[in-house]
Amino acid sequence: MKSSQKNRVRLSIEALEHRDAPATLTISPPGWADVDPTPIVKEITGSASPGLETAEVHSGGVVQWSPDGAQGSPARSGAAHSKDRPFHAEDSGNAVINGDFTPGTTINASASGQATHLGAFTLHDTSTVVGAEGPVRHIVGEADLEAANGDHLYASFTGTVNLATFTATVTFEWTGGTGRFANATGTTVWHVTLNPDLSYTAVADGVIRY
């Protein structure tokens, strides 16, 4: 075949994550007289180029490279990349009791401290006494923790307050938030020591997933 009849090749580089491989290789065969041209390649798999998974030949001699996971796969959500991460926090604050600790009493608390994933943080929570057994009060509530960068981490919680020992144990279930905590889940247990003036200190350990 004369050189003028040879296939002309045009490479079109498209933006890829690694920017080191052609996304589309177009073979333009003007003057190709063969009425039933045989595809040069049917499928190429296992590309050595990072970010590329397969290549397929389409009609007209077009070889289409597919970025890894891009063909026939739904977009991966942030939750798909979440993993368990240890969570530890220490804080101190004050509580306000709106009632006499009988069921229906509400408690507002505010604190500040340091935590993994949050840095310096502030906490605000509201809970309600839902049951009483001797000196023990059962509570349920919701909390909002604000990280050093302004991201918020939300939680619902249940726990007990022992009026005889002035201690409390509260289990937080992370329920999302803002920024990097938008899909946060996990569980963290807070051990609280109360003082007669209703100031308190707390230490928390558990897991956060985001």
N, C-alpha and C. Protein backbone atom coordinates (compact mmCIF):
# COMPACT_ATOMS: atom_id res chain seq x y z
N MET A 1 0.85 -1.19 0.00
CA MET A 1 0.00 0.00 0.00
C MET A 1 0.89 1.24 0.00
N LYS A 2 0.60 2.23 -0.83
CA LYS A 2 1.40 3.43 -0.91
C LYS A 2 1.30 4.20 0.39
N SER A 3 2.35 5.02 0.63
CA SER A 3 2.39 5.77 1.88
C SER A 3 1.20 6.72 2.00
N SER A 4 0.71 7.23 0.81
CA SER A 4 -0.43 8.14 0.86
C SER A 4 -1.69 7.45 1.32
N GLN A 5 -1.68 6.11 1.24
CA GLN A 5 -2.87 5.36 1.63
C GLN A 5 -2.78 4.84 3.05
N LYS A 6 -1.64 5.07 3.65
CA LYS A 6 -1.50 4.60 5.03
C LYS A 6 -2.45 5.37 5.96
N ASN A 7 -2.83 4.66 6.98
CA ASN A 7 -3.73 5.30 7.96
C ASN A 7 -3.03 6.47 8.63
N ARG A 8 -3.77 7.54 8.74
CA ARG A 8 -3.26 8.67 9.49
C ARG A 8 -3.76 8.56 10.92
N VAL A 9 -2.92 8.84 11.84
CA VAL A 9 -3.26 8.67 13.25
C VAL A 9 -3.28 10.03 13.94
N ARG A 10 -4.34 10.24 14.63
CA ARG A 10 -4.45 11.49 15.41
C ARG A 10 -4.65 11.13 16.87
N LEU A 11 -3.79 11.61 17.74
CA LEU A 11 -3.92 11.38 19.17
C LEU A 11 -4.57 12.60 19.82
N SER A 12 -5.59 12.33 20.54
CA SER A 12 -6.26 13.41 21.28
C SER A 12 -6.09 13.16 22.76
N ILE A 13 -5.37 14.04 23.43
CA ILE A 13 -5.13 13.86 24.86
C ILE A 13 -6.23 14.59 25.63
N GLU A 14 -6.92 13.82 26.43
CA GLU A 14 -7.97 14.41 27.27
C GLU A 14 -7.50 14.42 28.70
N ALA A 15 -8.12 15.27 29.52
CA ALA A 15 -7.69 15.38 30.91
C ALA A 15 -8.05 14.13 31.67
N LEU A 16 -7.04 13.51 32.25
CA LEU A 16 -7.23 12.35 33.12
C LEU A 16 -6.64 12.68 34.47
N GLU A 17 -6.97 11.86 35.44
CA GLU A 17 -6.49 12.10 36.80
C GLU A 17 -4.99 12.17 36.85
N HIS A 18 -4.30 11.25 36.14
CA HIS A 18 -2.85 11.22 36.19
C HIS A 18 -2.21 12.01 35.05
N ARG A 19 -3.01 12.41 34.07
CA ARG A 19 -2.54 13.22 32.94
C ARG A 19 -1.31 12.62 32.26
N ASP A 20 -1.25 11.31 32.20
CA ASP A 20 -0.08 10.71 31.56
C ASP A 20 -0.45 9.67 30.52
N ALA A 21 -1.71 9.63 30.09
CA ALA A 21 -2.09 8.65 29.08
C ALA A 21 -3.20 9.22 28.23
N PRO A 22 -3.22 8.90 26.92
CA PRO A 22 -4.30 9.38 26.06
C PRO A 22 -5.62 8.77 26.47
N ALA A 23 -6.64 9.64 26.57
CA ALA A 23 -7.96 9.13 26.89
C ALA A 23 -8.63 8.56 25.66
N THR A 24 -8.33 9.16 24.47
CA THR A 24 -8.96 8.68 23.24
C THR A 24 -7.92 8.61 22.14
N LEU A 25 -7.83 7.48 21.49
CA LEU A 25 -6.96 7.31 20.32
C LEU A 25 -7.86 7.15 19.11
N THR A 26 -7.84 8.15 18.23
CA THR A 26 -8.70 8.13 17.06
C THR A 26 -7.87 7.80 15.82
N ILE A 27 -8.26 6.76 15.09
CA ILE A 27 -7.58 6.36 13.86
C ILE A 27 -8.47 6.76 12.70
N SER A 28 -8.03 7.69 11.89
CA SER A 28 -8.82 8.19 10.79
C SER A 28 -8.29 7.63 9.48
N PRO A 29 -9.03 6.69 8.85
CA PRO A 29 -8.52 6.06 7.62
C PRO A 29 -9.18 6.58 6.35
N PRO A 30 -8.95 7.85 5.99
CA PRO A 30 -9.56 8.34 4.75
C PRO A 30 -9.05 7.56 3.55
N GLY A 31 -9.95 7.31 2.63
CA GLY A 31 -9.57 6.60 1.41
C GLY A 31 -9.46 5.11 1.60
N TRP A 32 -9.83 4.61 2.77
CA TRP A 32 -9.77 3.17 3.01
C TRP A 32 -10.86 2.51 2.17
N ALA A 33 -10.43 1.73 1.23
CA ALA A 33 -11.39 1.19 0.27
C ALA A 33 -12.05 -0.09 0.75
N ASP A 34 -11.51 -0.69 1.77
CA ASP A 34 -12.06 -1.96 2.25
C ASP A 34 -13.47 -1.73 2.78
N VAL A 35 -14.46 -2.38 2.21
CA VAL A 35 -15.86 -2.16 2.60
C VAL A 35 -16.17 -2.79 3.94
N ASP A 36 -15.34 -3.69 4.40
CA ASP A 36 -15.59 -4.35 5.67
C ASP A 36 -14.29 -4.42 6.47
N PRO A 37 -13.83 -3.22 6.88
CA PRO A 37 -12.52 -3.21 7.55
C PRO A 37 -12.57 -4.00 8.85
N THR A 38 -11.52 -4.73 9.08
CA THR A 38 -11.43 -5.50 10.32
C THR A 38 -10.86 -4.62 11.42
N PRO A 39 -11.52 -4.56 12.56
CA PRO A 39 -11.00 -3.71 13.64
C PRO A 39 -9.57 -4.11 13.98
N ILE A 40 -8.75 -3.11 14.22
CA ILE A 40 -7.36 -3.37 14.56
C ILE A 40 -7.27 -4.08 15.90
N VAL A 41 -8.08 -3.63 16.86
CA VAL A 41 -8.09 -4.21 18.20
C VAL A 41 -9.53 -4.32 18.65
N LYS A 42 -9.89 -5.42 19.25
CA LYS A 42 -11.24 -5.56 19.78
C LYS A 42 -11.30 -5.08 21.22
N GLU A 43 -10.32 -5.44 22.02
CA GLU A 43 -10.32 -5.02 23.42
C GLU A 43 -8.92 -5.12 23.96
N ILE A 44 -8.54 -4.13 24.72
CA ILE A 44 -7.26 -4.14 25.41
C ILE A 44 -7.55 -4.03 26.89
N THR A 45 -7.01 -4.91 27.68
CA THR A 45 -7.25 -4.88 29.13
C THR A 45 -5.94 -4.84 29.87
N GLY A 46 -6.06 -4.48 31.14
CA GLY A 46 -4.88 -4.49 32.00
C GLY A 46 -3.82 -3.51 31.57
N SER A 47 -4.22 -2.29 31.20
CA SER A 47 -3.24 -1.30 30.77
C SER A 47 -2.24 -1.02 31.87
N ALA A 48 -0.99 -0.84 31.48
CA ALA A 48 0.04 -0.52 32.46
C ALA A 48 0.00 0.93 32.88
N SER A 49 -0.76 1.74 32.15
CA SER A 49 -0.83 3.16 32.48
C SER A 49 -1.74 3.36 33.67
N PRO A 50 -1.30 4.09 34.72
CA PRO A 50 -2.15 4.31 35.89
C PRO A 50 -3.43 4.99 35.49
N GLY A 51 -4.55 4.55 36.04
CA GLY A 51 -5.83 5.18 35.79
C GLY A 51 -6.54 4.66 34.58
N LEU A 52 -5.94 3.74 33.80
CA LEU A 52 -6.59 3.20 32.64
C LEU A 52 -6.90 1.73 32.87
N GLU A 53 -8.08 1.32 32.45
CA GLU A 53 -8.48 -0.06 32.70
C GLU A 53 -8.69 -0.83 31.41
N THR A 54 -9.44 -0.29 30.45
CA THR A 54 -9.75 -1.01 29.23
C THR A 54 -9.71 -0.08 28.03
N ALA A 55 -9.63 -0.68 26.86
CA ALA A 55 -9.77 0.06 25.62
C ALA A 55 -10.60 -0.79 24.68
N GLU A 56 -11.49 -0.15 23.92
CA GLU A 56 -12.33 -0.87 22.99
C GLU A 56 -12.33 -0.16 21.64
N VAL A 57 -12.46 -0.95 20.57
CA VAL A 57 -12.54 -0.38 19.23
C VAL A 57 -14.00 -0.22 18.84
N HIS A 58 -14.35 0.95 18.37
CA HIS A 58 -15.71 1.24 17.91
C HIS A 58 -15.68 1.42 16.40
N SER A 59 -16.84 1.56 15.80
CA SER A 59 -16.92 1.70 14.34
C SER A 59 -16.14 2.92 13.89
N GLY A 60 -15.57 2.82 12.72
CA GLY A 60 -14.79 3.92 12.18
C GLY A 60 -13.35 3.90 12.64
N GLY A 61 -12.96 2.83 13.32
CA GLY A 61 -11.57 2.72 13.72
C GLY A 61 -11.19 3.51 14.95
N VAL A 62 -12.17 3.82 15.84
CA VAL A 62 -11.89 4.60 17.03
C VAL A 62 -11.59 3.67 18.20
N VAL A 63 -10.42 3.86 18.81
CA VAL A 63 -10.06 3.10 20.00
C VAL A 63 -10.36 3.97 21.20
N GLN A 64 -11.30 3.55 22.03
CA GLN A 64 -11.71 4.36 23.19
C GLN A 64 -11.12 3.78 24.46
N TRP A 65 -10.27 4.56 25.10
CA TRP A 65 -9.73 4.16 26.38
C TRP A 65 -10.71 4.55 27.47
N SER A 66 -10.87 3.68 28.47
CA SER A 66 -11.77 3.96 29.58
C SER A 66 -10.97 4.11 30.86
N PRO A 67 -11.08 5.27 31.55
CA PRO A 67 -10.41 5.41 32.83
C PRO A 67 -10.88 4.33 33.79
N ASP A 68 -10.03 3.95 34.72
CA ASP A 68 -10.32 2.90 35.69
C ASP A 68 -11.63 3.16 36.41
N GLY A 69 -12.56 2.22 36.26
CA GLY A 69 -13.82 2.28 36.99
C GLY A 69 -14.83 3.24 36.40
N ALA A 70 -14.50 3.91 35.27
CA ALA A 70 -15.41 4.93 34.76
C ALA A 70 -16.51 4.35 33.91
N GLN A 71 -16.33 3.16 33.33
CA GLN A 71 -17.31 2.61 32.41
C GLN A 71 -18.20 1.61 33.12
N GLY A 72 -19.49 1.89 33.13
CA GLY A 72 -20.45 0.98 33.71
C GLY A 72 -20.44 0.93 35.22
N SER A 73 -19.77 1.93 35.87
CA SER A 73 -19.72 1.96 37.31
C SER A 73 -20.30 3.27 37.81
N PRO A 74 -21.16 3.23 38.83
CA PRO A 74 -21.72 4.47 39.36
C PRO A 74 -20.62 5.27 40.05
N ALA A 75 -20.86 6.58 40.17
CA ALA A 75 -19.90 7.43 40.86
C ALA A 75 -19.79 6.99 42.31
N ARG A 76 -18.56 7.01 42.80
CA ARG A 76 -18.34 6.59 44.17
C ARG A 76 -18.65 7.74 45.10
N SER A 77 -19.47 7.49 46.09
CA SER A 77 -19.83 8.54 47.04
C SER A 77 -18.77 8.65 48.10
N GLY A 78 -18.84 9.76 48.89
CA GLY A 78 -17.90 9.93 49.97
C GLY A 78 -18.01 8.82 50.99
N ALA A 79 -19.23 8.31 51.18
CA ALA A 79 -19.42 7.25 52.15
C ALA A 79 -18.68 5.98 51.76
N ALA A 80 -18.49 5.78 50.43
CA ALA A 80 -17.83 4.56 49.98
C ALA A 80 -16.36 4.54 50.40
N HIS A 81 -15.79 5.73 50.67
CA HIS A 81 -14.38 5.81 51.04
C HIS A 81 -14.21 5.92 52.55
N SER A 82 -15.30 5.93 53.32
CA SER A 82 -15.19 6.10 54.75
C SER A 82 -14.53 4.88 55.39
N LYS A 83 -13.89 5.10 56.51
CA LYS A 83 -13.26 4.01 57.24
C LYS A 83 -13.29 4.32 58.72
N ASP A 84 -13.16 3.28 59.53
CA ASP A 84 -13.15 3.44 60.97
C ASP A 84 -11.87 4.17 61.39
N ARG A 85 -12.04 5.18 62.24
CA ARG A 85 -10.91 5.92 62.77
C ARG A 85 -11.09 6.06 64.28
N PRO A 86 -10.06 5.82 65.05
CA PRO A 86 -10.18 6.00 66.50
C PRO A 86 -10.53 7.45 66.84
N PHE A 87 -11.39 7.61 67.84
CA PHE A 87 -11.79 8.95 68.26
C PHE A 87 -11.51 9.09 69.74
N HIS A 88 -10.85 10.18 70.12
CA HIS A 88 -10.58 10.46 71.53
C HIS A 88 -10.81 11.95 71.77
N ALA A 89 -11.46 12.26 72.87
CA ALA A 89 -11.71 13.66 73.21
C ALA A 89 -11.63 13.86 74.72
N GLU A 90 -11.23 15.06 75.10
CA GLU A 90 -11.24 15.47 76.51
C GLU A 90 -11.79 16.89 76.54
N ASP A 91 -12.78 17.13 77.41
CA ASP A 91 -13.34 18.47 77.48
C ASP A 91 -13.78 18.79 78.90
N SER A 92 -14.14 20.05 79.10
CA SER A 92 -14.69 20.50 80.37
C SER A 92 -15.74 21.56 80.07
N GLY A 93 -16.75 21.63 80.93
CA GLY A 93 -17.81 22.58 80.67
C GLY A 93 -18.75 22.73 81.85
N ASN A 94 -19.93 23.21 81.53
CA ASN A 94 -20.94 23.47 82.56
C ASN A 94 -22.30 23.00 82.07
N ALA A 95 -23.11 22.54 83.01
CA ALA A 95 -24.46 22.09 82.69
C ALA A 95 -25.48 22.97 83.40
N VAL A 96 -26.63 23.12 82.77
CA VAL A 96 -27.74 23.87 83.36
C VAL A 96 -28.93 22.91 83.44
N ILE A 97 -29.47 22.73 84.66
CA ILE A 97 -30.60 21.82 84.87
C ILE A 97 -31.88 22.63 84.91
N ASN A 98 -32.79 22.32 84.00
CA ASN A 98 -34.07 23.02 83.93
C ASN A 98 -35.16 22.15 84.56
N GLY A 99 -35.14 22.04 85.90
CA GLY A 99 -36.10 21.20 86.60
C GLY A 99 -35.45 20.56 87.81
N ASP A 100 -36.08 19.49 88.31
CA ASP A 100 -35.61 18.86 89.53
C ASP A 100 -35.10 17.43 89.30
N PHE A 101 -34.69 17.13 88.10
CA PHE A 101 -34.16 15.83 87.70
C PHE A 101 -35.23 14.74 87.65
N THR A 102 -36.49 15.14 87.70
CA THR A 102 -37.54 14.15 87.46
C THR A 102 -37.72 14.02 85.96
N PRO A 103 -38.39 12.92 85.48
CA PRO A 103 -38.60 12.78 84.04
C PRO A 103 -39.25 14.02 83.44
N GLY A 104 -38.75 14.45 82.33
CA GLY A 104 -39.20 15.66 81.67
C GLY A 104 -38.24 16.82 81.88
N THR A 105 -37.36 16.72 82.87
CA THR A 105 -36.35 17.77 83.09
C THR A 105 -35.40 17.84 81.90
N THR A 106 -35.06 19.04 81.48
CA THR A 106 -34.11 19.20 80.39
C THR A 106 -32.77 19.69 80.93
N ILE A 107 -31.71 19.32 80.21
CA ILE A 107 -30.34 19.68 80.61
C ILE A 107 -29.65 20.29 79.40
N ASN A 108 -29.07 21.45 79.59
CA ASN A 108 -28.25 22.08 78.54
C ASN A 108 -26.81 22.11 79.00
N ALA A 109 -25.92 21.73 78.12
CA ALA A 109 -24.50 21.70 78.47
C ALA A 109 -23.67 22.34 77.37
N SER A 110 -22.61 23.00 77.79
CA SER A 110 -21.64 23.60 76.86
C SER A 110 -20.25 23.28 77.36
N ALA A 111 -19.35 22.96 76.45
CA ALA A 111 -18.00 22.59 76.84
C ALA A 111 -17.03 22.94 75.73
N SER A 112 -15.74 22.87 76.05
CA SER A 112 -14.68 23.04 75.06
C SER A 112 -13.55 22.09 75.41
N GLY A 113 -12.79 21.71 74.40
CA GLY A 113 -11.71 20.77 74.66
C GLY A 113 -10.91 20.47 73.41
N GLN A 114 -10.24 19.33 73.43
CA GLN A 114 -9.42 18.87 72.31
C GLN A 114 -9.87 17.47 71.91
N ALA A 115 -9.90 17.20 70.61
CA ALA A 115 -10.30 15.88 70.12
C ALA A 115 -9.57 15.54 68.84
N THR A 116 -9.34 14.25 68.64
CA THR A 116 -8.81 13.82 67.36
C THR A 116 -9.84 14.15 66.28
N HIS A 117 -9.35 14.50 65.08
CA HIS A 117 -10.17 14.83 63.91
C HIS A 117 -10.83 16.21 64.03
N LEU A 118 -10.94 16.74 65.26
CA LEU A 118 -11.59 18.04 65.46
C LEU A 118 -10.60 19.13 65.82
N GLY A 119 -9.52 18.76 66.52
CA GLY A 119 -8.64 19.77 67.09
C GLY A 119 -9.34 20.41 68.27
N ALA A 120 -9.10 21.70 68.47
CA ALA A 120 -9.82 22.42 69.51
C ALA A 120 -11.29 22.50 69.10
N PHE A 121 -12.19 22.13 69.99
CA PHE A 121 -13.60 22.10 69.62
C PHE A 121 -14.47 22.67 70.73
N THR A 122 -15.67 23.05 70.35
CA THR A 122 -16.71 23.42 71.32
C THR A 122 -17.88 22.47 71.16
N LEU A 123 -18.58 22.23 72.25
CA LEU A 123 -19.71 21.29 72.24
C LEU A 123 -20.91 21.95 72.89
N HIS A 124 -22.05 21.75 72.27
CA HIS A 124 -23.32 22.19 72.84
C HIS A 124 -24.29 21.02 72.73
N ASP A 125 -24.95 20.68 73.84
CA ASP A 125 -25.92 19.60 73.77
C ASP A 125 -27.13 19.89 74.64
N THR A 126 -28.22 19.24 74.28
CA THR A 126 -29.47 19.35 75.03
C THR A 126 -29.99 17.94 75.24
N SER A 127 -30.39 17.64 76.47
CA SER A 127 -30.91 16.30 76.76
C SER A 127 -32.15 16.42 77.64
N THR A 128 -32.87 15.31 77.71
CA THR A 128 -34.10 15.23 78.51
C THR A 128 -34.05 14.00 79.38
N VAL A 129 -34.45 14.15 80.64
CA VAL A 129 -34.56 13.00 81.54
C VAL A 129 -35.82 12.22 81.14
N VAL A 130 -35.63 10.94 80.82
CA VAL A 130 -36.76 10.12 80.36
C VAL A 130 -37.09 8.99 81.32
N GLY A 131 -36.32 8.83 82.36
CA GLY A 131 -36.61 7.76 83.31
C GLY A 131 -35.77 7.92 84.56
N ALA A 132 -36.23 7.27 85.66
CA ALA A 132 -35.51 7.35 86.93
C ALA A 132 -35.57 6.01 87.63
N GLU A 133 -34.42 5.58 88.14
CA GLU A 133 -34.31 4.37 88.93
C GLU A 133 -33.41 4.68 90.13
N GLY A 134 -34.02 4.96 91.28
CA GLY A 134 -33.23 5.38 92.43
C GLY A 134 -32.47 6.64 92.10
N PRO A 135 -31.14 6.66 92.31
CA PRO A 135 -30.36 7.86 92.03
C PRO A 135 -29.98 8.01 90.55
N VAL A 136 -30.33 7.04 89.75
CA VAL A 136 -29.92 7.04 88.35
C VAL A 136 -31.00 7.67 87.47
N ARG A 137 -30.58 8.56 86.62
CA ARG A 137 -31.49 9.19 85.65
C ARG A 137 -31.07 8.78 84.24
N HIS A 138 -32.06 8.41 83.43
CA HIS A 138 -31.81 8.05 82.03
C HIS A 138 -32.10 9.27 81.18
N ILE A 139 -31.18 9.56 80.25
CA ILE A 139 -31.33 10.75 79.42
C ILE A 139 -31.19 10.39 77.94
N VAL A 140 -31.80 11.21 77.10
CA VAL A 140 -31.60 11.15 75.65
C VAL A 140 -31.39 12.57 75.17
N GLY A 141 -30.62 12.73 74.10
CA GLY A 141 -30.39 14.08 73.63
C GLY A 141 -29.66 14.15 72.31
N GLU A 142 -29.27 15.37 71.96
CA GLU A 142 -28.55 15.63 70.71
C GLU A 142 -27.41 16.59 71.00
N ALA A 143 -26.32 16.44 70.23
CA ALA A 143 -25.13 17.27 70.45
C ALA A 143 -24.60 17.80 69.12
N ASP A 144 -23.93 18.93 69.22
CA ASP A 144 -23.29 19.58 68.07
C ASP A 144 -21.88 19.95 68.50
N LEU A 145 -20.89 19.37 67.82
CA LEU A 145 -19.49 19.69 68.09
C LEU A 145 -18.95 20.49 66.91
N GLU A 146 -18.31 21.61 67.19
CA GLU A 146 -17.73 22.42 66.14
C GLU A 146 -16.22 22.31 66.19
N ALA A 147 -15.64 21.88 65.06
CA ALA A 147 -14.19 21.68 64.97
C ALA A 147 -13.46 23.01 64.84
N ALA A 148 -12.14 22.93 64.94
CA ALA A 148 -11.31 24.13 64.87
C ALA A 148 -11.49 24.86 63.54
N ASN A 149 -11.75 24.11 62.46
CA ASN A 149 -11.89 24.74 61.13
C ASN A 149 -13.32 25.14 60.80
N GLY A 150 -14.25 24.93 61.75
CA GLY A 150 -15.64 25.32 61.52
C GLY A 150 -16.56 24.20 61.09
N ASP A 151 -16.01 23.03 60.75
CA ASP A 151 -16.87 21.89 60.42
C ASP A 151 -17.64 21.46 61.67
N HIS A 152 -18.88 20.99 61.45
CA HIS A 152 -19.71 20.53 62.55
C HIS A 152 -19.86 19.02 62.50
N LEU A 153 -19.91 18.42 63.67
CA LEU A 153 -20.13 16.99 63.83
C LEU A 153 -21.33 16.81 64.76
N TYR A 154 -22.36 16.08 64.27
CA TYR A 154 -23.60 15.93 65.02
C TYR A 154 -23.71 14.55 65.63
N ALA A 155 -24.44 14.48 66.74
CA ALA A 155 -24.64 13.20 67.40
C ALA A 155 -25.99 13.17 68.10
N SER A 156 -26.56 11.99 68.17
CA SER A 156 -27.67 11.73 69.09
C SER A 156 -27.09 10.86 70.19
N PHE A 157 -27.64 10.95 71.39
CA PHE A 157 -27.03 10.19 72.47
C PHE A 157 -28.06 9.71 73.49
N THR A 158 -27.67 8.67 74.19
CA THR A 158 -28.41 8.14 75.34
C THR A 158 -27.40 7.95 76.47
N GLY A 159 -27.90 7.95 77.69
CA GLY A 159 -26.96 7.75 78.79
C GLY A 159 -27.65 7.75 80.14
N THR A 160 -26.82 7.67 81.15
CA THR A 160 -27.31 7.69 82.53
C THR A 160 -26.50 8.69 83.34
N VAL A 161 -27.18 9.32 84.30
CA VAL A 161 -26.54 10.21 85.25
C VAL A 161 -26.80 9.64 86.64
N ASN A 162 -25.75 9.40 87.40
CA ASN A 162 -25.88 8.86 88.75
C ASN A 162 -25.73 10.01 89.74
N LEU A 163 -26.83 10.38 90.39
CA LEU A 163 -26.82 11.51 91.32
C LEU A 163 -26.12 11.18 92.62
N ALA A 164 -25.90 9.90 92.90
CA ALA A 164 -25.20 9.51 94.12
C ALA A 164 -23.69 9.62 93.97
N THR A 165 -23.21 9.33 92.77
CA THR A 165 -21.75 9.37 92.54
C THR A 165 -21.31 10.58 91.72
N PHE A 166 -22.27 11.35 91.27
CA PHE A 166 -22.00 12.51 90.42
C PHE A 166 -21.16 12.12 89.20
N THR A 167 -21.56 11.06 88.57
CA THR A 167 -20.91 10.63 87.33
C THR A 167 -22.00 10.37 86.29
N ALA A 168 -21.57 10.36 85.04
CA ALA A 168 -22.49 10.06 83.95
C ALA A 168 -21.74 9.27 82.88
N THR A 169 -22.47 8.41 82.20
CA THR A 169 -21.93 7.69 81.05
C THR A 169 -22.88 7.92 79.89
N VAL A 170 -22.35 8.43 78.79
CA VAL A 170 -23.19 8.83 77.66
C VAL A 170 -22.60 8.24 76.38
N THR A 171 -23.45 7.65 75.57
CA THR A 171 -23.01 7.06 74.30
C THR A 171 -23.49 7.93 73.14
N PHE A 172 -22.54 8.46 72.39
CA PHE A 172 -22.84 9.27 71.21
C PHE A 172 -22.88 8.37 69.98
N GLU A 173 -23.91 8.58 69.16
CA GLU A 173 -23.98 7.98 67.83
C GLU A 173 -23.82 9.12 66.83
N TRP A 174 -22.72 9.11 66.09
CA TRP A 174 -22.48 10.19 65.13
C TRP A 174 -23.51 10.13 64.01
N THR A 175 -24.09 11.27 63.68
CA THR A 175 -25.18 11.31 62.70
C THR A 175 -24.91 12.26 61.54
N GLY A 176 -23.65 12.49 61.25
CA GLY A 176 -23.32 13.36 60.13
C GLY A 176 -22.82 14.70 60.61
N GLY A 177 -22.86 15.67 59.71
CA GLY A 177 -22.37 17.00 60.07
C GLY A 177 -22.19 17.84 58.82
N THR A 178 -21.18 18.68 58.84
CA THR A 178 -20.87 19.51 57.68
C THR A 178 -19.42 19.30 57.30
N GLY A 179 -19.06 19.75 56.08
CA GLY A 179 -17.68 19.58 55.63
C GLY A 179 -17.31 18.11 55.56
N ARG A 180 -16.15 17.77 56.07
CA ARG A 180 -15.68 16.40 55.97
C ARG A 180 -16.50 15.42 56.82
N PHE A 181 -17.34 15.95 57.71
CA PHE A 181 -18.15 15.10 58.56
C PHE A 181 -19.59 14.91 58.03
N ALA A 182 -19.82 15.27 56.79
CA ALA A 182 -21.19 15.24 56.24
C ALA A 182 -21.83 13.87 56.34
N ASN A 183 -21.05 12.80 56.19
CA ASN A 183 -21.60 11.44 56.25
C ASN A 183 -21.05 10.65 57.43
N ALA A 184 -20.65 11.34 58.48
CA ALA A 184 -20.00 10.68 59.61
C ALA A 184 -20.95 9.74 60.35
N THR A 185 -20.42 8.57 60.73
CA THR A 185 -21.14 7.62 61.57
C THR A 185 -20.15 7.09 62.60
N GLY A 186 -20.64 6.26 63.50
CA GLY A 186 -19.77 5.67 64.50
C GLY A 186 -20.34 5.86 65.90
N THR A 187 -19.62 5.35 66.88
CA THR A 187 -20.08 5.39 68.27
C THR A 187 -18.92 5.78 69.17
N THR A 188 -19.21 6.65 70.13
CA THR A 188 -18.20 7.08 71.11
C THR A 188 -18.84 7.16 72.49
N VAL A 189 -18.14 6.66 73.49
CA VAL A 189 -18.65 6.67 74.86
C VAL A 189 -17.93 7.74 75.67
N TRP A 190 -18.72 8.59 76.33
CA TRP A 190 -18.19 9.68 77.15
C TRP A 190 -18.37 9.33 78.63
N HIS A 191 -17.29 9.47 79.38
CA HIS A 191 -17.34 9.28 80.84
C HIS A 191 -17.21 10.66 81.48
N VAL A 192 -18.23 11.04 82.22
CA VAL A 192 -18.35 12.40 82.74
C VAL A 192 -18.26 12.41 84.26
N THR A 193 -17.51 13.37 84.79
CA THR A 193 -17.43 13.59 86.23
C THR A 193 -18.04 14.95 86.54
N LEU A 194 -19.10 14.95 87.34
CA LEU A 194 -19.82 16.18 87.68
C LEU A 194 -19.33 16.73 89.01
N ASN A 195 -19.38 18.04 89.11
CA ASN A 195 -19.08 18.73 90.36
C ASN A 195 -20.37 19.30 90.94
N PRO A 196 -20.40 19.58 92.24
CA PRO A 196 -21.64 20.11 92.85
C PRO A 196 -22.17 21.38 92.20
N ASP A 197 -21.27 22.19 91.63
CA ASP A 197 -21.71 23.42 90.96
C ASP A 197 -22.13 23.16 89.51
N LEU A 198 -22.19 21.88 89.12
CA LEU A 198 -22.60 21.44 87.78
C LEU A 198 -21.57 21.73 86.69
N SER A 199 -20.36 22.09 87.10
CA SER A 199 -19.27 22.05 86.12
C SER A 199 -18.87 20.59 85.95
N TYR A 200 -18.20 20.27 84.87
CA TYR A 200 -17.85 18.86 84.65
C TYR A 200 -16.63 18.72 83.76
N THR A 201 -16.04 17.55 83.82
CA THR A 201 -14.98 17.15 82.90
C THR A 201 -15.40 15.83 82.26
N ALA A 202 -14.90 15.57 81.07
CA ALA A 202 -15.29 14.34 80.36
C ALA A 202 -14.13 13.83 79.52
N VAL A 203 -14.09 12.51 79.39
CA VAL A 203 -13.14 11.84 78.51
C VAL A 203 -13.93 10.89 77.63
N ALA A 204 -13.65 10.92 76.34
CA ALA A 204 -14.41 10.11 75.39
C ALA A 204 -13.49 9.27 74.53
N ASP A 205 -13.91 8.05 74.25
CA ASP A 205 -13.19 7.17 73.34
C ASP A 205 -14.18 6.38 72.50
N GLY A 206 -13.83 6.17 71.25
CA GLY A 206 -14.71 5.40 70.38
C GLY A 206 -14.20 5.39 68.96
N VAL A 207 -15.13 5.36 68.03
CA VAL A 207 -14.81 5.24 66.61
C VAL A 207 -15.65 6.24 65.83
N ILE A 208 -15.02 6.88 64.86
CA ILE A 208 -15.77 7.72 63.92
C ILE A 208 -15.45 7.23 62.52
N ARG A 209 -16.45 7.26 61.65
CA ARG A 209 -16.30 6.78 60.27
C ARG A 209 -16.72 7.92 59.34
N TYR A 210 -15.77 8.39 58.50
CA TYR A 210 -16.12 9.44 57.53
C TYR A 210 -15.14 9.41 56.38
